[in-house]
């Protein structure tokens, strides 16, 4: 029975990683004939960098699809397995988005996918997280700061939930902060750019 449980968790982690690793931002920009998103702006494959192409519709679709990756993994695993297995799959989905094997492990920061995991795990906490992001983003117009504030507050929102969920959200928050290390450095120097229109500056690295 214990061996079977290990297999279930392993399959959940693999499946979550595979789903999370689908680079929707990269694919949408390429299908739109706009080139490689990794050569534009920050080089990130997420919705914020897609927005820098000036295609707000594609940025919104990227945001929704990246969020759906995390939510779908948690929902499906909750239906066919159990709560704890679903949490493992959710973490794996975020890891897949951040470190996709198809892109030499260079992915996004996982904010949308993390929000998807949270919404599917606890709609209350997920909605609180989305509301926090929107409030901070509307106020300061800096995507990374919005994400960092949201990730910092989510574990507090989740304190009313059971321990596995709290630990999962703490792990996702820490992962998100680590992925935002360059942004944190720029924020401290006052050099983090705000969310705005097109930025077609090509990367040379």
Protein backbone atom coordinates (compact mmCIF):
# COMPACT_ATOMS: atom_id res chain seq x y z
CA UNK A 1 0.00 0.00 0.00
CA UNK A 2 2.87 2.35 0.87
CA UNK A 3 4.60 1.62 -2.45
CA UNK A 4 1.36 2.39 -4.26
CA UNK A 5 1.12 5.73 -2.44
CA UNK A 6 4.64 6.65 -3.50
CA UNK A 7 3.75 5.90 -7.11
CA UNK A 8 0.64 8.08 -6.91
CA UNK A 9 2.64 11.03 -5.57
CA UNK A 10 5.34 10.49 -8.21
CA UNK A 11 2.82 10.36 -11.05
CA UNK A 12 1.09 13.48 -9.68
CA UNK A 13 4.40 15.35 -9.53
CA UNK A 14 5.37 14.30 -13.05
CA UNK A 15 1.94 15.15 -14.47
CA UNK A 16 1.86 18.50 -12.68
CA UNK A 17 5.32 19.38 -13.95
CA UNK A 18 4.43 18.40 -17.52
CA UNK A 19 1.25 20.50 -17.56
CA UNK A 20 2.97 23.43 -15.87
CA UNK A 21 5.85 23.39 -18.34
CA UNK A 22 3.66 24.29 -21.33
CA UNK A 23 4.99 27.79 -22.27
CA UNK A 24 1.77 29.47 -23.36
CA UNK A 25 3.34 32.94 -23.54
CA UNK A 26 6.07 31.72 -25.88
CA UNK A 27 3.63 29.79 -28.07
CA UNK A 28 1.06 32.59 -28.35
CA UNK A 29 3.65 35.21 -29.29
CA UNK A 30 5.21 32.87 -31.84
CA UNK A 31 1.84 31.96 -33.38
CA UNK A 32 1.03 35.68 -33.59
CA UNK A 33 4.15 36.17 -35.69
CA UNK A 34 5.88 38.36 -33.11
CA UNK A 35 9.02 36.27 -32.75
CA UNK A 36 10.52 34.77 -29.60
CA UNK A 37 9.23 36.30 -26.35
CA UNK A 38 12.55 35.36 -24.75
CA UNK A 39 14.22 37.97 -26.98
CA UNK A 40 11.81 40.74 -25.98
CA UNK A 41 11.77 42.91 -22.86
CA UNK A 42 12.76 40.94 -19.76
CA UNK A 43 12.93 37.66 -21.70
CA UNK A 44 10.31 36.17 -19.38
CA UNK A 45 7.62 33.90 -20.84
CA UNK A 46 4.84 35.19 -18.58
CA UNK A 47 1.95 37.58 -19.13
CA UNK A 48 3.78 40.71 -17.94
CA UNK A 49 6.42 40.33 -20.63
CA UNK A 50 3.80 39.44 -23.24
CA UNK A 51 2.16 42.76 -22.36
CA UNK A 52 5.39 44.49 -23.38
CA UNK A 53 4.69 43.49 -26.97
CA UNK A 54 1.65 45.78 -26.90
CA UNK A 55 -0.75 42.86 -27.38
CA UNK A 56 -3.01 43.19 -24.35
CA UNK A 57 -5.30 40.42 -25.57
CA UNK A 58 -2.43 37.95 -25.81
CA UNK A 59 -1.20 39.02 -22.38
CA UNK A 60 -4.63 38.36 -20.88
CA UNK A 61 -4.90 34.97 -22.59
CA UNK A 62 -1.41 34.08 -21.34
CA UNK A 63 -2.38 35.09 -17.81
CA UNK A 64 -5.54 32.97 -17.89
CA UNK A 65 -3.88 29.92 -19.44
CA UNK A 66 -0.94 30.03 -17.04
CA UNK A 67 -3.38 30.26 -14.15
CA UNK A 68 -5.46 27.45 -15.60
CA UNK A 69 -2.41 25.16 -15.62
CA UNK A 70 -2.16 25.28 -11.85
CA UNK A 71 -5.90 25.16 -11.23
CA UNK A 72 -6.52 22.24 -13.60
CA UNK A 73 -3.80 20.10 -12.03
CA UNK A 74 -5.16 20.64 -8.51
CA UNK A 75 -8.80 20.10 -9.50
CA UNK A 76 -8.20 16.94 -11.51
CA UNK A 77 -5.92 15.37 -8.91
CA UNK A 78 -8.41 16.24 -6.16
CA UNK A 79 -11.13 14.42 -8.09
CA UNK A 80 -9.15 11.29 -8.91
CA UNK A 81 -6.79 11.03 -5.92
CA UNK A 82 -6.78 13.04 -2.70
CA UNK A 83 -6.08 16.48 -1.27
CA UNK A 84 -2.41 15.96 -0.42
CA UNK A 85 -1.61 14.45 -3.81
CA UNK A 86 -3.28 17.45 -5.44
CA UNK A 87 -1.07 19.82 -3.43
CA UNK A 88 2.05 18.01 -4.64
CA UNK A 89 0.79 18.27 -8.20
CA UNK A 90 0.14 21.98 -7.73
CA UNK A 91 3.68 22.66 -6.53
CA UNK A 92 5.01 20.60 -9.45
CA UNK A 93 2.94 22.66 -11.89
CA UNK A 94 4.56 25.88 -10.63
CA UNK A 95 8.00 24.26 -10.86
CA UNK A 96 7.18 23.19 -14.41
CA UNK A 97 6.29 26.75 -15.37
CA UNK A 98 9.41 28.14 -13.71
CA UNK A 99 11.81 25.50 -14.97
CA UNK A 100 10.41 23.94 -18.19
CA UNK A 101 12.61 21.21 -19.61
CA UNK A 102 11.68 22.29 -23.16
CA UNK A 103 13.29 25.71 -22.62
CA UNK A 104 16.47 24.53 -20.89
CA UNK A 105 14.76 25.15 -17.53
CA UNK A 106 14.41 28.89 -18.22
CA UNK A 107 10.78 29.72 -17.57
CA UNK A 108 8.68 32.33 -15.84
CA UNK A 109 8.22 33.41 -12.26
CA UNK A 110 5.08 31.35 -11.72
CA UNK A 111 2.79 34.01 -10.28
CA UNK A 112 -0.25 33.22 -12.44
CA UNK A 113 0.23 29.47 -12.04
CA UNK A 114 0.60 29.91 -8.28
CA UNK A 115 -2.63 31.92 -8.15
CA UNK A 116 -4.33 29.15 -10.12
CA UNK A 117 -3.16 26.57 -7.58
CA UNK A 118 -4.42 28.74 -4.73
CA UNK A 119 -7.80 29.41 -6.32
CA UNK A 120 -8.37 25.69 -6.89
CA UNK A 121 -7.14 24.72 -3.42
CA UNK A 122 -8.97 27.44 -1.48
CA UNK A 123 -11.18 29.83 -3.47
CA UNK A 124 -11.28 32.21 -0.49
CA UNK A 125 -7.50 32.49 -0.20
CA UNK A 126 -7.14 32.55 -3.98
CA UNK A 127 -9.60 35.42 -4.34
CA UNK A 128 -7.89 37.30 -1.50
CA UNK A 129 -4.59 36.85 -3.32
CA UNK A 130 -6.01 38.07 -6.63
CA UNK A 131 -7.60 41.07 -4.89
CA UNK A 132 -4.30 41.91 -3.19
CA UNK A 133 -2.42 41.74 -6.49
CA UNK A 134 -4.99 43.98 -8.21
CA UNK A 135 -4.98 46.56 -5.41
CA UNK A 136 -1.19 46.83 -5.30
CA UNK A 137 -0.89 46.77 -9.10
CA UNK A 138 -3.48 49.52 -9.47
CA UNK A 139 -1.74 51.61 -6.83
CA UNK A 140 1.92 51.26 -7.81
CA UNK A 141 1.77 49.91 -11.39
CA UNK A 142 4.70 47.59 -10.70
CA UNK A 143 3.97 43.94 -11.44
CA UNK A 144 6.82 42.46 -9.42
CA UNK A 145 5.96 44.47 -6.30
CA UNK A 146 2.33 43.37 -6.61
CA UNK A 147 3.45 39.75 -6.78
CA UNK A 148 5.85 40.05 -3.85
CA UNK A 149 3.27 41.69 -1.58
CA UNK A 150 0.67 39.10 -2.54
CA UNK A 151 3.02 36.17 -1.95
CA UNK A 152 4.04 37.59 1.43
CA UNK A 153 0.44 37.91 2.60
CA UNK A 154 -0.95 34.63 1.28
CA UNK A 155 0.41 32.47 4.15
CA UNK A 156 -1.40 34.79 6.57
CA UNK A 157 -4.65 34.43 4.63
CA UNK A 158 -4.19 30.65 4.76
CA UNK A 159 -3.70 30.33 8.52
CA UNK A 160 -7.33 29.21 8.93
CA UNK A 161 -6.72 26.23 6.63
CA UNK A 162 -5.21 22.86 7.43
CA UNK A 163 -1.47 22.46 7.84
CA UNK A 164 -0.64 20.82 4.46
CA UNK A 165 -2.29 23.72 2.63
CA UNK A 166 -0.49 26.34 4.74
CA UNK A 167 2.86 24.62 4.14
CA UNK A 168 2.15 24.40 0.42
CA UNK A 169 1.32 28.09 0.19
CA UNK A 170 4.42 28.99 2.23
CA UNK A 171 6.55 26.90 -0.14
CA UNK A 172 5.01 28.61 -3.17
CA UNK A 173 5.53 32.03 -1.60
CA UNK A 174 9.20 31.31 -0.92
CA UNK A 175 9.65 29.97 -4.45
CA UNK A 176 8.01 33.09 -5.86
CA UNK A 177 10.25 35.40 -3.85
CA UNK A 178 13.37 33.50 -4.95
CA UNK A 179 12.30 33.77 -8.59
CA UNK A 180 11.86 37.52 -8.11
CA UNK A 181 15.41 38.04 -6.78
CA UNK A 182 16.49 40.25 -9.72
CA UNK A 183 13.30 42.29 -9.37
CA UNK A 184 13.90 42.75 -5.65
CA UNK A 185 17.39 44.10 -6.39
CA UNK A 186 15.96 46.58 -8.90
CA UNK A 187 13.17 47.60 -6.50
CA UNK A 188 15.72 48.38 -3.79
CA UNK A 189 17.63 50.55 -6.27
CA UNK A 190 14.46 52.23 -7.52
CA UNK A 191 15.08 50.85 -11.00
CA UNK A 192 12.14 48.46 -11.45
CA UNK A 193 10.10 49.56 -14.49
CA UNK A 194 6.32 49.98 -14.20
CA UNK A 195 3.74 48.10 -16.24
CA UNK A 196 3.20 49.98 -19.47
CA UNK A 197 2.98 49.69 -23.23
CA UNK A 198 5.17 47.99 -25.84
CA UNK A 199 8.84 47.35 -25.21
CA UNK A 200 10.45 45.81 -28.25
CA UNK A 201 14.01 46.09 -27.02
CA UNK A 202 15.70 42.87 -28.08
CA UNK A 203 17.81 40.95 -25.60
CA UNK A 204 21.43 40.30 -26.49
CA UNK A 205 22.11 37.68 -23.82
